Protein backbone atom coordinates (compact mmCIF):
# COMPACT_ATOMS: atom_id res chain seq x y z
CA MET A 1 50.24 79.44 301.31
CA ALA A 2 49.36 83.09 301.84
CA ALA A 3 50.27 86.06 299.35
CA SER A 4 50.98 89.69 300.21
CA HIS A 5 49.76 92.55 298.03
CA ASP A 6 50.16 96.07 298.80
CA VAL A 7 48.05 98.68 296.96
CA PRO A 8 46.83 102.28 298.04
CA VAL A 9 43.00 101.38 297.32
CA LEU A 10 41.26 97.95 297.86
CA ILE A 11 37.81 97.93 296.86
CA VAL A 12 35.42 95.08 297.88
CA GLY A 13 32.48 94.56 295.91
CA GLY A 14 32.63 94.71 291.80
CA GLY A 15 29.26 95.73 291.02
CA PRO A 16 28.57 98.87 289.32
CA VAL A 17 29.37 101.47 292.32
CA GLY A 18 32.64 99.56 292.89
CA LEU A 19 33.97 99.35 289.54
CA PHE A 20 32.76 103.22 288.93
CA LEU A 21 34.97 104.21 291.73
CA ALA A 22 38.02 101.94 290.75
CA LEU A 23 37.67 103.53 286.99
CA ARG A 24 37.94 106.99 288.76
CA LEU A 25 40.97 106.08 290.58
CA ALA A 26 42.48 104.28 287.55
CA GLN A 27 42.28 107.39 285.51
CA ALA A 28 44.19 109.59 288.15
CA ASN A 29 47.02 106.79 287.88
CA ILE A 30 45.91 105.46 291.60
CA PRO A 31 46.63 101.92 291.81
CA VAL A 32 43.42 100.12 292.92
CA THR A 33 42.22 96.37 293.36
CA VAL A 34 38.67 95.21 293.35
CA LEU A 35 37.93 92.04 295.10
CA GLU A 36 34.77 90.32 293.80
CA ALA A 37 33.47 87.21 295.87
CA GLU A 38 31.75 85.81 292.73
CA THR A 39 33.53 84.43 289.89
CA GLU A 40 31.23 85.96 287.30
CA MET A 41 28.63 88.68 286.84
CA GLN A 42 24.92 87.03 287.11
CA ASN A 43 23.19 87.81 283.94
CA GLU A 44 20.19 89.90 285.81
CA THR A 45 18.61 93.40 285.21
CA LYS A 46 18.43 94.58 288.94
CA ALA A 47 18.73 98.15 289.12
CA MET A 48 18.30 99.62 285.54
CA ALA A 49 17.26 103.43 285.77
CA HIS A 50 20.01 106.07 286.02
CA GLN A 51 18.82 109.62 286.80
CA PRO A 52 20.12 112.63 284.29
CA SER A 53 21.78 114.12 287.41
CA ILE A 54 24.41 111.47 287.16
CA PHE A 55 25.21 111.88 283.52
CA PRO A 56 27.85 114.46 284.10
CA GLU A 57 29.81 111.87 286.28
CA PHE A 58 29.43 109.26 283.44
CA LYS A 59 30.62 112.04 281.03
CA SER A 60 33.68 112.76 283.21
CA VAL A 61 35.15 109.26 282.95
CA GLY A 62 34.17 108.65 279.35
CA LEU A 63 31.33 106.25 279.84
CA MET A 64 28.54 108.08 278.46
CA GLU A 65 28.48 107.23 274.71
CA ASP A 66 28.85 103.75 275.29
CA LEU A 67 25.98 103.63 277.84
CA LEU A 68 23.68 105.45 275.52
CA ALA A 69 24.71 103.04 272.68
CA ALA A 70 24.02 99.87 275.11
CA GLY A 71 21.01 101.09 276.58
CA ILE A 72 17.63 103.23 275.95
CA THR A 73 16.49 106.51 276.88
CA SER A 74 13.02 106.78 278.62
CA GLY A 75 10.30 108.42 277.43
CA PRO A 76 7.42 110.27 279.27
CA LEU A 77 6.34 109.26 283.04
CA CYS A 78 2.82 108.54 284.10
CA PHE A 79 0.89 107.71 287.33
CA ARG A 80 -1.90 105.73 286.45
CA LYS A 81 -4.58 103.58 288.29
CA PRO A 82 -3.93 99.57 288.01
CA LYS A 83 -5.77 97.40 285.76
CA VAL A 84 -7.65 100.11 283.95
CA GLY A 85 -4.55 102.12 283.50
CA GLU A 86 -6.37 105.28 283.65
CA PRO A 87 -3.93 108.01 283.94
CA ILE A 88 -3.57 110.20 286.71
CA ALA A 89 -0.83 112.61 286.00
CA LYS A 90 1.68 112.71 283.08
CA LEU A 91 5.20 113.98 282.41
CA PRO A 92 5.80 114.77 278.76
CA VAL A 93 9.46 114.49 277.40
CA LYS A 94 10.05 118.07 275.99
CA PRO A 95 12.71 118.87 273.39
CA GLY A 96 16.05 119.22 274.86
CA MET A 97 14.81 117.63 278.52
CA PRO A 98 17.08 115.19 279.83
CA THR A 99 15.50 111.97 280.28
CA VAL A 100 16.23 108.74 282.25
CA LEU A 101 18.83 106.03 281.01
CA LEU A 102 17.41 102.32 280.99
CA LEU A 103 20.17 99.93 281.04
CA PRO A 104 20.14 96.65 282.79
CA GLN A 105 22.85 96.22 285.42
CA TYR A 106 24.60 93.30 283.88
CA ARG A 107 25.13 95.50 280.51
CA PHE A 108 26.55 98.58 282.72
CA TRP A 109 29.02 96.40 284.54
CA GLU A 110 30.02 94.82 281.23
CA ILE A 111 31.05 98.44 279.87
CA LEU A 112 32.72 99.41 283.18
CA GLU A 113 34.78 96.47 283.03
CA GLN A 114 36.15 97.23 279.45
CA HIS A 115 37.02 100.72 280.27
CA ILE A 116 38.69 99.36 283.72
CA ARG A 117 40.87 96.97 281.48
CA LYS A 118 42.36 99.99 279.83
CA HIS A 119 44.45 100.76 283.00
CA GLU A 120 47.46 98.86 283.87
CA CYS A 121 47.23 100.26 287.73
CA ALA A 122 43.61 98.66 288.05
CA LYS A 123 42.84 94.97 288.80
CA VAL A 124 39.75 93.19 289.12
CA LEU A 125 39.93 89.75 290.93
CA VAL A 126 36.98 87.60 291.03
CA GLY A 127 36.13 84.47 293.23
CA HIS A 128 38.01 86.48 296.32
CA ARG A 129 36.00 86.35 299.41
CA VAL A 130 37.00 88.56 302.20
CA THR A 131 37.04 86.55 305.54
CA ALA A 132 39.03 89.05 308.14
CA ILE A 133 39.79 92.53 308.74
CA ASP A 134 42.80 93.54 310.81
CA GLN A 135 43.29 97.74 311.58
CA SER A 136 45.68 97.16 314.21
CA ALA A 137 48.64 98.53 312.60
CA GLY A 138 47.11 101.98 312.46
CA ASP A 139 48.44 103.38 309.26
CA THR A 140 47.35 100.23 307.06
CA VAL A 141 44.42 97.55 306.92
CA LYS A 142 45.26 93.63 306.64
CA VAL A 143 42.57 91.87 304.48
CA THR A 144 42.47 88.01 304.51
CA VAL A 145 40.64 86.59 301.33
CA GLN A 146 39.49 83.07 300.55
CA THR A 147 39.79 82.42 296.66
CA ASN A 148 37.43 79.82 294.92
CA ASP A 149 40.21 77.41 294.62
CA GLY A 150 40.95 77.27 298.34
CA LEU A 151 44.11 79.53 298.70
CA GLU A 152 44.39 82.24 301.38
CA LYS A 153 45.55 85.48 300.66
CA THR A 154 46.38 88.73 302.24
CA PHE A 155 46.11 92.32 301.20
CA THR A 156 47.76 95.39 302.66
CA THR A 157 46.00 98.82 302.02
CA ALA A 158 45.93 102.11 303.09
CA HIS A 159 42.41 102.59 302.29
CA LEU A 160 39.52 99.80 302.27
CA VAL A 161 36.21 100.38 300.56
CA ALA A 162 33.20 98.16 301.35
CA ALA A 163 31.25 98.40 298.02
CA ASP A 164 29.71 94.91 298.61
CA GLY A 165 26.04 95.43 298.93
CA SER A 166 23.34 95.14 301.03
CA HIS A 167 24.54 92.46 302.84
CA SER A 168 27.81 93.56 303.04
CA SER A 169 30.54 91.50 304.73
CA ILE A 170 32.82 94.32 305.38
CA ARG A 171 30.43 96.18 307.25
CA ARG A 172 29.65 93.09 309.61
CA LEU A 173 33.49 92.39 309.97
CA CYS A 174 34.06 95.89 310.77
CA ASP A 175 30.93 95.94 313.39
CA ILE A 176 29.25 99.11 311.64
CA PRO A 177 25.57 99.62 312.69
CA PHE A 178 23.21 99.65 310.08
CA GLU A 179 20.59 101.66 311.31
CA GLY A 180 16.90 102.31 310.19
CA VAL A 181 13.90 100.17 309.71
CA THR A 182 12.53 97.20 307.55
CA LEU A 183 9.28 98.35 306.46
CA SER A 184 5.96 96.17 307.01
CA GLU A 185 5.90 94.83 303.10
CA GLN A 186 8.39 93.12 301.06
CA LEU A 187 8.81 94.22 297.35
CA VAL A 188 8.75 91.95 294.43
CA ALA A 189 10.48 92.54 291.32
CA THR A 190 9.59 90.75 288.42
CA ASP A 191 10.83 90.97 284.82
CA ILE A 192 8.15 90.30 282.18
CA VAL A 193 7.45 89.97 278.73
CA TYR A 194 4.19 91.63 278.02
CA PRO A 195 2.93 94.30 275.43
CA PHE A 196 2.29 97.14 277.97
CA ASP A 197 3.15 99.62 275.26
CA LYS A 198 0.10 98.43 273.34
CA HIS A 199 -2.48 99.52 275.96
CA GLY A 200 -1.32 102.71 276.30
CA TYR A 201 1.53 102.59 279.06
CA LEU A 202 4.61 104.98 278.81
CA ASP A 203 8.19 103.88 279.55
CA ALA A 204 7.67 104.38 283.38
CA ASN A 205 4.42 103.74 284.86
CA PHE A 206 3.61 104.24 288.65
CA LEU A 207 0.57 102.32 289.54
CA VAL A 208 -1.49 104.08 292.67
CA ASP A 209 -3.52 101.91 294.76
CA PRO A 210 -3.52 100.94 298.34
CA ASP A 211 -3.38 97.09 297.53
CA ASN A 212 -2.03 97.05 293.88
CA TYR A 213 0.43 99.50 293.89
CA GLY A 214 3.44 99.27 291.75
CA LEU A 215 5.85 100.20 289.06
CA VAL A 216 5.74 99.16 285.50
CA GLY A 217 8.83 100.08 283.77
CA ARG A 218 10.43 99.26 280.19
CA ILE A 219 13.67 97.52 280.39
CA THR A 220 14.27 96.91 276.35
CA LYS A 221 12.77 97.47 273.23
CA GLU A 222 12.22 93.96 272.61
CA GLY A 223 9.33 93.98 275.10
CA LEU A 224 10.93 93.23 278.53
CA TRP A 225 9.38 95.14 281.42
CA ARG A 226 9.95 95.58 284.94
CA VAL A 227 6.85 94.98 287.12
CA SER A 228 7.41 95.92 290.93
CA TYR A 229 4.92 95.65 293.68
CA GLY A 230 4.20 95.10 297.23
CA ALA A 231 3.71 91.58 299.37
CA PRO A 232 3.07 90.96 302.95
CA ALA A 233 6.66 90.73 304.60
CA ALA A 234 5.99 87.26 306.10
CA MET A 235 4.90 85.72 302.40
CA GLU A 236 7.47 83.05 301.34
CA TYR A 237 8.70 82.78 297.89
CA ASP A 238 6.40 79.81 296.79
CA GLU A 239 3.33 81.78 297.92
CA ILE A 240 4.39 85.07 296.05
CA VAL A 241 4.80 82.82 293.00
CA LYS A 242 1.49 81.00 293.32
CA GLY A 243 -0.30 84.45 293.81
CA LEU A 244 1.41 85.95 290.70
CA PRO A 245 -1.46 85.40 288.37
CA ALA A 246 -4.21 86.95 290.68
CA LYS A 247 -1.56 89.70 291.32
CA PHE A 248 -1.08 90.53 287.85
CA ASP A 249 -4.76 90.32 286.82
CA ALA A 250 -5.49 93.11 289.22
CA MET A 251 -2.59 95.36 287.95
CA PHE A 252 -2.11 94.53 284.33
CA PRO A 253 -4.11 96.21 281.27
CA GLY A 254 -5.53 94.26 278.38
CA PRO A 255 -7.80 91.30 277.81
CA ARG A 256 -8.13 88.23 279.78
CA PRO A 257 -6.79 85.66 280.30
CA LEU A 258 -3.40 87.46 280.44
CA GLU A 259 -0.78 86.19 278.09
CA TYR A 260 3.07 86.88 279.53
CA LYS A 261 6.40 85.30 280.08
CA ILE A 262 7.94 85.71 283.35
CA GLN A 263 11.86 85.94 283.36
CA ARG A 264 12.69 86.59 286.84
CA ILE A 265 10.93 86.83 290.10
CA ALA A 266 13.02 88.70 292.89
CA PRO A 267 11.45 89.48 296.40
CA TYR A 268 13.50 91.49 298.85
CA LYS A 269 12.85 93.11 301.93
CA ALA A 270 11.81 97.00 301.93
CA GLN A 271 14.26 98.69 303.96
CA GLN A 272 15.29 102.16 305.16
CA ARG A 273 18.43 102.04 306.51
CA CYS A 274 22.02 103.79 306.87
CA VAL A 275 25.46 102.94 308.45
CA ALA A 276 26.16 104.82 311.58
CA THR A 277 29.27 106.07 310.01
CA LEU A 278 30.57 105.78 306.43
CA ARG A 279 34.04 105.56 307.84
CA LYS A 280 35.62 103.52 310.57
CA GLY A 281 39.10 103.83 310.69
CA ARG A 282 40.64 102.92 307.12
CA VAL A 283 37.32 101.88 305.96
CA MET A 284 35.07 103.65 303.67
CA VAL A 285 31.52 102.22 303.04
CA VAL A 286 29.62 103.14 299.92
CA GLY A 287 26.59 102.26 297.73
CA ASP A 288 23.98 99.77 299.21
CA ALA A 289 26.53 98.67 301.71
CA ALA A 290 26.31 102.20 303.22
CA HIS A 291 22.51 102.50 302.90
CA VAL A 292 19.27 100.90 301.29
CA THR A 293 16.03 102.41 300.42
CA ASN A 294 12.99 101.49 298.44
CA PRO A 295 12.92 101.79 294.73
CA TYR A 296 10.01 104.05 294.05
CA ALA A 297 11.81 107.55 293.98
CA GLY A 298 14.67 105.60 291.83
CA LEU A 299 17.50 107.10 294.05
CA GLY A 300 19.34 103.82 295.19
CA LEU A 301 21.95 103.21 292.57
CA ASN A 302 22.28 107.22 291.51
CA THR A 303 23.19 107.72 295.34
CA GLY A 304 25.78 105.16 295.25
CA PHE A 305 27.24 106.53 292.31
CA PHE A 306 27.41 109.83 293.86
CA ASP A 307 29.00 108.11 296.97
CA ALA A 308 31.66 106.40 294.72
CA SER A 309 32.41 109.91 292.75
CA SER A 310 32.65 111.87 295.81
CA LEU A 311 34.98 109.46 297.60
CA ALA A 312 37.34 109.26 294.37
CA MET A 313 37.61 112.92 294.41
CA ALA A 314 38.36 112.86 298.21
CA LEU A 315 40.99 109.71 297.96
CA ILE A 316 42.77 111.67 294.99
CA SER A 317 43.05 114.77 297.35
CA VAL A 318 44.64 112.59 300.11
CA LEU A 319 46.83 110.51 298.14
CA SER A 320 47.88 112.53 295.10
CA HIS A 321 47.73 116.33 296.57
CA GLY A 322 48.62 115.84 300.30
CA ALA A 323 45.00 116.21 301.59
CA PRO A 324 44.46 115.29 305.52
CA GLU A 325 42.84 112.31 306.24
CA SER A 326 40.37 114.12 308.43
CA LEU A 327 38.90 114.97 304.40
CA LEU A 328 37.62 111.47 304.55
CA ASP A 329 35.74 111.95 307.80
CA ALA A 330 34.05 115.09 306.05
CA TRP A 331 33.23 113.09 303.28
CA ALA A 332 31.85 110.50 305.25
CA LYS A 333 29.39 112.58 307.41
CA ALA A 334 28.37 114.67 304.04
CA ARG A 335 27.17 111.52 302.51
CA ARG A 336 25.14 110.38 305.23
CA ASP A 337 23.78 113.82 305.26
CA VAL A 338 22.61 113.41 302.10
CA PHE A 339 20.94 109.94 302.54
CA LEU A 340 19.28 111.11 306.05
CA ASN A 341 18.03 114.39 304.92
CA VAL A 342 17.45 113.99 300.90
CA VAL A 343 17.41 110.22 300.02
CA ASP A 344 15.41 109.05 302.72
CA PRO A 345 12.76 111.06 303.04
CA MET A 346 12.17 111.60 299.57
CA SER A 347 11.98 107.79 298.75
CA ARG A 348 9.68 107.17 301.82
CA LYS A 349 7.17 109.75 300.44
CA ALA A 350 7.40 108.14 296.94
CA LEU A 351 6.42 104.81 298.58
CA VAL A 352 3.40 106.27 300.16
CA ARG A 353 2.33 108.26 297.18
CA VAL A 354 2.08 105.16 295.08
CA LYS A 355 -0.01 103.67 297.99
CA ASP A 356 -2.66 106.68 298.00
CA SER A 357 -6.27 105.85 298.52
CA ASP A 358 -7.72 108.47 296.81
CA PRO A 359 -5.83 108.52 293.33
CA ASP A 360 -8.33 110.92 291.60
CA THR A 361 -7.52 113.69 294.19
CA LEU A 362 -3.82 112.90 294.28
CA PRO A 363 -2.89 115.73 292.11
CA GLU A 364 -4.20 118.30 294.15
CA ARG A 365 -2.40 117.05 297.38
CA ASP A 366 1.06 115.96 295.77
CA PRO A 367 3.42 118.58 294.62
CA LEU A 368 5.04 116.26 292.70
CA LEU A 369 1.62 115.20 290.41
CA ARG A 370 0.54 118.84 290.72
CA GLY A 371 3.62 120.00 288.83
CA MET A 372 3.34 117.28 286.15
CA LYS A 373 -0.11 118.46 285.51
CA THR A 374 0.81 122.25 285.53
CA GLY A 375 4.08 121.84 283.78
CA GLN A 376 5.76 123.45 286.96
CA MET A 377 8.02 120.63 288.25
CA PRO A 378 9.66 121.22 291.61
CA MET A 379 13.39 121.35 291.63
CA PRO A 380 14.58 118.06 293.27
CA PRO A 381 17.51 118.33 295.87
CA SER A 382 20.76 117.30 294.66
CA LEU A 383 22.19 113.95 295.62
CA ALA A 384 25.76 115.01 295.08
CA THR A 385 28.49 116.18 297.47
CA ASP A 386 30.89 118.99 296.22
CA VAL A 387 34.28 117.56 297.96
CA ARG A 388 35.95 120.88 297.09
CA LYS A 389 33.94 122.35 299.69
CA LEU A 390 34.79 120.19 302.12
CA GLU A 391 37.34 120.99 305.18
CA GLY A 392 40.92 119.95 304.41
CA TYR A 393 40.40 119.50 300.74
CA VAL A 394 43.60 120.41 298.61
CA GLU A 395 43.03 120.84 294.75
CA GLY A 396 45.58 119.06 292.49
């Protein structure tokens, strides 16, 4: 039996970006429903580093205090050579200097879900997988869903938001091109228990080497670390697992034989992609559903949060203050421009940086490392979109 539901905004994807958008809308008293295909959040760390630039958005919705209590603030940043661990450039943390918040994704999700539960106008429905989208009515979108217990439901909404990740079913159902490239290597994210700090490693460490480049970053105070590195694109999962001892021997500091405990191994394609448009009809696309990038600039998840924050502001202006729907087109263009002009080039350069073949001279050639050594860091461009400056915006 099919059931019909009407809601102004329907979000597909119950990850951090989708829930953050839902929370922003709920706090503005806009009814919103989130559809999540899975029945429960996986207990995985995934993306875990939150840049200081997004903190004002977290504060604006009342999340910051809980996030700080659950996570840890990152200490200094260092670029170093693998294995021997020799530093190339360090960025010390000065008093009052904002630092990165480290929080495993599942904990972030738990905090968001707790905040959303406070709002009666917001619903999160798990085990709801979208199977069809119909925009033929013009002023609404009809969404067909299959539940885990075999029921079919239909939802009717004024605005559908795809926040369902890099393999977005909504992007596919709406035939939105995902433009860009798959890079020549895949990346492997592992979560490892190993005492890197006892060997002089800081909270965030980028290993510079053409073959054994990578990232070593603290996840918890209890000794769990993220170790990310590159592998040939054609390498199968079993080959990756078999090759871990040799790879870690080439990367890790400390006496041999190495003693560590692997908690997670997650290979994934390294891609630089963005949708051809972030709005098609009444469907908007945010987060990894809209764009993907390599992790070495730390911009992926934070860009998704800025997508959600700015889209919330645009939708509030349209739904509550009478702004024209053309505002959503202006939003879509602005967010795509941010990815193409800021996120994509910065993240590509970050990957090239860690693969450099001459780390000893890198600080002389690279503006970021040169700034770390001289104390004159270049100001990074903003990932935000000021919706108030977009054509059609109406203030409440």
